[in-house]
Amino acid sequence: MKRMVLAAVAAASLGLAGCNSTNEGDRALVGGALGATTGAVIASAAGASTAGTIIAATTGAAAGAIVGSATTPRCVDQFGDPVPCPR
């Protein structure tokens, strides 16, 4: 049962991976969700306790949000002025 739940959570997180946005908040949110899921799945698969799994998920969420936000594309024109990114 535990493995089935983990597989369902991992599949749901893969669905989030397809979300592509140029909005910094959106990228931080998706990165945080993917990081939390990845941390929880790895900790649980490694046999961590419930507290260990929660710590891993929290750490993964923080790291994912930071990376997602930091990798937001910055679109500029040939003069270096900010412009809306193409979708």
C-alpha atoms as a PDB file:
ATOM      1  CA  MET A   1       0.000   0.000   0.000  1.00  0.00           C
ATOM      2  CA  LYS A   2       2.790   2.403   0.922  1.00  0.00           C
ATOM      3  CA  ARG A   3       4.513   1.873  -2.418  1.00  0.00           C
ATOM      4  CA  MET A   4       1.255   2.466  -4.268  1.00  0.00           C
ATOM      5  CA  VAL A   5       0.750   5.801  -2.506  1.00  0.00           C
ATOM      6  CA  LEU A   6       4.337   6.791  -3.289  1.00  0.00           C
ATOM      7  CA  ALA A   7       3.857   5.896  -6.936  1.00  0.00           C
ATOM      8  CA  ALA A   8       0.678   7.990  -7.106  1.00  0.00           C
ATOM      9  CA  VAL A   9       2.392  10.978  -5.501  1.00  0.00           C
ATOM     10  CA  ALA A  10       5.372  10.637  -7.852  1.00  0.00           C
ATOM     11  CA  ALA A  11       3.050  10.481 -10.866  1.00  0.00           C
ATOM     12  CA  ALA A  12       1.225  13.606  -9.708  1.00  0.00           C
ATOM     13  CA  SER A  13       4.499  15.467  -9.330  1.00  0.00           C
ATOM     14  CA  LEU A  14       5.500  14.519 -12.862  1.00  0.00           C
ATOM     15  CA  GLY A  15       2.335  16.217 -14.033  1.00  0.00           C
ATOM     16  CA  LEU A  16       3.528  19.402 -12.340  1.00  0.00           C
ATOM     17  CA  ALA A  17       6.874  19.130 -14.096  1.00  0.00           C
ATOM     18  CA  GLY A  18       5.141  19.957 -17.366  1.00  0.00           C
ATOM     19  CA  CYS A  19       4.051  23.353 -16.050  1.00  0.00           C
ATOM     20  CA  ASN A  20       6.231  25.913 -17.757  1.00  0.00           C
ATOM     21  CA  SER A  21       5.860  29.526 -16.770  1.00  0.00           C
ATOM     22  CA  THR A  22       7.896  32.697 -16.888  1.00  0.00           C
ATOM     23  CA  ASN A  23       6.272  33.944 -13.677  1.00  0.00           C
ATOM     24  CA  GLU A  24       8.700  33.751 -10.735  1.00  0.00           C
ATOM     25  CA  GLY A  25       5.959  32.864  -8.236  1.00  0.00           C
ATOM     26  CA  ASP A  26       4.603  30.050 -10.393  1.00  0.00           C
ATOM     27  CA  ARG A  27       8.063  28.582 -10.848  1.00  0.00           C
ATOM     28  CA  ALA A  28       8.760  28.755  -7.108  1.00  0.00           C
ATOM     29  CA  LEU A  29       5.453  27.026  -6.354  1.00  0.00           C
ATOM     30  CA  VAL A  30       6.003  24.207  -8.843  1.00  0.00           C
ATOM     31  CA  GLY A  31       9.641  23.834  -7.767  1.00  0.00           C
ATOM     32  CA  GLY A  32       8.588  23.605  -4.143  1.00  0.00           C
ATOM     33  CA  ALA A  33       5.960  20.975  -4.902  1.00  0.00           C
ATOM     34  CA  LEU A  34       8.394  18.892  -6.945  1.00  0.00           C
ATOM     35  CA  GLY A  35      11.086  19.223  -4.278  1.00  0.00           C
ATOM     36  CA  ALA A  36       8.723  18.196  -1.494  1.00  0.00           C
ATOM     37  CA  THR A  37       7.501  15.187  -3.434  1.00  0.00           C
ATOM     38  CA  THR A  38      11.001  14.105  -4.363  1.00  0.00           C
ATOM     39  CA  GLY A  39      12.265  14.484  -0.805  1.00  0.00           C
ATOM     40  CA  ALA A  40       9.348  12.517   0.629  1.00  0.00           C
ATOM     41  CA  VAL A  41       9.605   9.724  -1.929  1.00  0.00           C
ATOM     42  CA  ILE A  42      13.355   9.296  -1.492  1.00  0.00           C
ATOM     43  CA  ALA A  43      13.160   9.363   2.308  1.00  0.00           C
ATOM     44  CA  SER A  44      10.279   6.928   2.391  1.00  0.00           C
ATOM     45  CA  ALA A  45      11.938   4.575  -0.080  1.00  0.00           C
ATOM     46  CA  ALA A  46      15.099   4.678   2.036  1.00  0.00           C
ATOM     47  CA  GLY A  47      13.078   3.554   5.055  1.00  0.00           C
ATOM     48  CA  ALA A  48      13.107   6.805   7.013  1.00  0.00           C
ATOM     49  CA  SER A  49      10.748   7.350   9.912  1.00  0.00           C
ATOM     50  CA  THR A  50       7.722   9.595   9.564  1.00  0.00           C
ATOM     51  CA  ALA A  51       9.639  12.501  11.101  1.00  0.00           C
ATOM     52  CA  GLY A  52      12.542  11.890   8.734  1.00  0.00           C
ATOM     53  CA  THR A  53      10.202  11.846   5.752  1.00  0.00           C
ATOM     54  CA  ILE A  54       8.619  15.129   6.841  1.00  0.00           C
ATOM     55  CA  ILE A  55      12.049  16.728   7.297  1.00  0.00           C
ATOM     56  CA  ALA A  56      13.144  15.517   3.857  1.00  0.00           C
ATOM     57  CA  ALA A  57       9.946  16.836   2.266  1.00  0.00           C
ATOM     58  CA  THR A  58      10.360  20.217   3.958  1.00  0.00           C
ATOM     59  CA  THR A  59      13.993  20.481   2.905  1.00  0.00           C
ATOM     60  CA  GLY A  60      13.111  19.445  -0.649  1.00  0.00           C
ATOM     61  CA  ALA A  61      10.304  22.004  -0.799  1.00  0.00           C
ATOM     62  CA  ALA A  62      12.594  24.822   0.305  1.00  0.00           C
ATOM     63  CA  ALA A  63      15.340  23.833  -2.128  1.00  0.00           C
ATOM     64  CA  GLY A  64      12.872  23.380  -4.999  1.00  0.00           C
ATOM     65  CA  ALA A  65      11.266  26.769  -4.392  1.00  0.00           C
ATOM     66  CA  ILE A  66      14.651  28.500  -4.317  1.00  0.00           C
ATOM     67  CA  VAL A  67      15.832  26.813  -7.500  1.00  0.00           C
ATOM     68  CA  GLY A  68      12.516  27.366  -9.277  1.00  0.00           C
ATOM     69  CA  SER A  69      12.526  31.046  -8.436  1.00  0.00           C
ATOM     70  CA  ALA A  70      16.201  31.536  -9.279  1.00  0.00           C
ATOM     71  CA  THR A  71      15.869  29.953 -12.720  1.00  0.00           C
ATOM     72  CA  THR A  72      13.059  32.219 -13.921  1.00  0.00           C
ATOM     73  CA  PRO A  73      13.933  33.408 -17.423  1.00  0.00           C
ATOM     74  CA  ARG A  74      14.604  37.104 -17.818  1.00  0.00           C
ATOM     75  CA  CYS A  75      13.633  38.283 -21.293  1.00  0.00           C
ATOM     76  CA  VAL A  76      15.271  41.405 -22.680  1.00  0.00           C
ATOM     77  CA  ASP A  77      15.398  43.050 -26.073  1.00  0.00           C
ATOM     78  CA  GLN A  78      18.553  43.876 -28.040  1.00  0.00           C
ATOM     79  CA  PHE A  79      19.011  47.016 -25.915  1.00  0.00           C
ATOM     80  CA  GLY A  80      18.813  45.152 -22.597  1.00  0.00           C
ATOM     81  CA  ASP A  81      15.368  46.475 -21.701  1.00  0.00           C
ATOM     82  CA  PRO A  82      12.954  44.006 -20.049  1.00  0.00           C
ATOM     83  CA  VAL A  83      10.204  42.686 -22.327  1.00  0.00           C
ATOM     84  CA  PRO A  84       7.474  40.078 -21.820  1.00  0.00           C
ATOM     85  CA  CYS A  85       8.765  36.582 -22.481  1.00  0.00           C
ATOM     86  CA  PRO A  86       7.154  34.695 -25.380  1.00  0.00           C
ATOM     87  CA  ARG A  87       4.771  31.913 -24.421  1.00  0.00           C
END
